[in-house]
């Protein structure tokens, strides 16, 4: 799992150079959260490409559903 810091993302989130690296991080975080759950019950569940920096991040937020797509 390799995070990159090329000037950073304006959101302040950890950046990953590839989708695969972000997916790996999501898996590690999810397994960790299953062993020791967060107070809010959320787990890292997916990666996504950031519109602000173009790199990959990990989120516990479910994907947005776009009804017009």
C-alpha atoms as a PDB file:
ATOM      1  CA  UNK A   1       0.000   0.000   0.000  1.00  0.00           C
ATOM      2  CA  UNK A   2       1.750   3.152  -1.200  1.00  0.00           C
ATOM      3  CA  UNK A   3       0.298   6.610  -0.630  1.00  0.00           C
ATOM      4  CA  UNK A   4       1.610   9.522  -2.655  1.00  0.00           C
ATOM      5  CA  UNK A   5       1.947  13.133  -1.674  1.00  0.00           C
ATOM      6  CA  UNK A   6       2.512  15.182  -4.818  1.00  0.00           C
ATOM      7  CA  UNK A   7       1.545  18.546  -3.414  1.00  0.00           C
ATOM      8  CA  UNK A   8      -1.408  16.860  -1.748  1.00  0.00           C
ATOM      9  CA  UNK A   9      -5.101  16.836  -2.485  1.00  0.00           C
ATOM     10  CA  UNK A  10      -7.061  19.999  -1.682  1.00  0.00           C
ATOM     11  CA  UNK A  11      -9.413  17.767   0.338  1.00  0.00           C
ATOM     12  CA  UNK A  12      -6.548  16.709   2.620  1.00  0.00           C
ATOM     13  CA  UNK A  13      -7.283  13.026   1.980  1.00  0.00           C
ATOM     14  CA  UNK A  14      -4.573  10.404   1.487  1.00  0.00           C
ATOM     15  CA  UNK A  15      -3.819   9.878  -2.209  1.00  0.00           C
ATOM     16  CA  UNK A  16      -3.084   6.618  -4.022  1.00  0.00           C
ATOM     17  CA  UNK A  17      -1.489   6.535  -7.472  1.00  0.00           C
ATOM     18  CA  UNK A  18      -3.565   3.615  -8.744  1.00  0.00           C
ATOM     19  CA  UNK A  19      -7.010   2.164  -8.227  1.00  0.00           C
ATOM     20  CA  UNK A  20      -5.365  -1.118  -7.226  1.00  0.00           C
ATOM     21  CA  UNK A  21      -3.372   0.566  -4.433  1.00  0.00           C
ATOM     22  CA  UNK A  22      -6.513   2.303  -3.133  1.00  0.00           C
ATOM     23  CA  UNK A  23      -8.470  -0.976  -3.313  1.00  0.00           C
ATOM     24  CA  UNK A  24      -5.726  -2.696  -1.321  1.00  0.00           C
ATOM     25  CA  UNK A  25      -5.880   0.055   1.322  1.00  0.00           C
ATOM     26  CA  UNK A  26      -9.688  -0.220   1.457  1.00  0.00           C
ATOM     27  CA  UNK A  27      -9.355  -3.967   2.054  1.00  0.00           C
ATOM     28  CA  UNK A  28      -6.807  -3.484   4.837  1.00  0.00           C
ATOM     29  CA  UNK A  29      -8.946  -0.816   6.518  1.00  0.00           C
ATOM     30  CA  UNK A  30     -12.113  -2.884   6.162  1.00  0.00           C
ATOM     31  CA  UNK A  31     -10.480  -5.939   7.765  1.00  0.00           C
ATOM     32  CA  UNK A  32      -9.099  -3.745  10.549  1.00  0.00           C
ATOM     33  CA  UNK A  33     -12.514  -2.176  11.180  1.00  0.00           C
ATOM     34  CA  UNK A  34     -14.144  -5.612  11.290  1.00  0.00           C
ATOM     35  CA  UNK A  35     -11.733  -6.613  14.070  1.00  0.00           C
ATOM     36  CA  UNK A  36     -12.107  -3.302  15.922  1.00  0.00           C
ATOM     37  CA  UNK A  37     -15.275  -1.502  14.702  1.00  0.00           C
ATOM     38  CA  UNK A  38     -15.436   2.279  14.484  1.00  0.00           C
ATOM     39  CA  UNK A  39     -17.893   4.026  16.768  1.00  0.00           C
ATOM     40  CA  UNK A  40     -20.067   5.036  13.815  1.00  0.00           C
ATOM     41  CA  UNK A  41     -20.067   1.467  12.445  1.00  0.00           C
ATOM     42  CA  UNK A  42     -18.719   2.478   9.025  1.00  0.00           C
ATOM     43  CA  UNK A  43     -15.920   0.654   7.237  1.00  0.00           C
ATOM     44  CA  UNK A  44     -13.756   1.634   4.303  1.00  0.00           C
ATOM     45  CA  UNK A  45     -15.639   0.004   1.472  1.00  0.00           C
ATOM     46  CA  UNK A  46     -14.410   1.360  -1.846  1.00  0.00           C
ATOM     47  CA  UNK A  47     -11.966   3.498  -3.746  1.00  0.00           C
ATOM     48  CA  UNK A  48     -12.790   6.375  -6.069  1.00  0.00           C
ATOM     49  CA  UNK A  49     -10.991   8.794  -8.373  1.00  0.00           C
ATOM     50  CA  UNK A  50     -10.984  12.311  -6.936  1.00  0.00           C
ATOM     51  CA  UNK A  51     -12.379  15.102  -9.105  1.00  0.00           C
ATOM     52  CA  UNK A  52     -10.089  17.610  -7.329  1.00  0.00           C
ATOM     53  CA  UNK A  53      -6.675  15.932  -7.682  1.00  0.00           C
ATOM     54  CA  UNK A  54      -7.206  13.068 -10.154  1.00  0.00           C
ATOM     55  CA  UNK A  55      -5.699  10.526  -7.751  1.00  0.00           C
ATOM     56  CA  UNK A  56      -7.439   7.710  -5.877  1.00  0.00           C
ATOM     57  CA  UNK A  57      -8.895   7.875  -2.345  1.00  0.00           C
ATOM     58  CA  UNK A  58     -10.677   5.437  -0.009  1.00  0.00           C
ATOM     59  CA  UNK A  59     -14.101   6.151   1.474  1.00  0.00           C
ATOM     60  CA  UNK A  60     -16.676   4.497   3.700  1.00  0.00           C
ATOM     61  CA  UNK A  61     -19.447   6.392   1.913  1.00  0.00           C
ATOM     62  CA  UNK A  62     -21.524   4.224  -0.450  1.00  0.00           C
ATOM     63  CA  UNK A  63     -21.345   5.137  -4.156  1.00  0.00           C
ATOM     64  CA  UNK A  64     -23.679   7.862  -5.401  1.00  0.00           C
ATOM     65  CA  UNK A  65     -26.474   6.675  -7.630  1.00  0.00           C
ATOM     66  CA  UNK A  66     -27.044   8.873 -10.675  1.00  0.00           C
ATOM     67  CA  UNK A  67     -30.612   8.255 -11.930  1.00  0.00           C
ATOM     68  CA  UNK A  68     -29.961   9.875 -15.331  1.00  0.00           C
ATOM     69  CA  UNK A  69     -27.054   7.574 -16.240  1.00  0.00           C
END
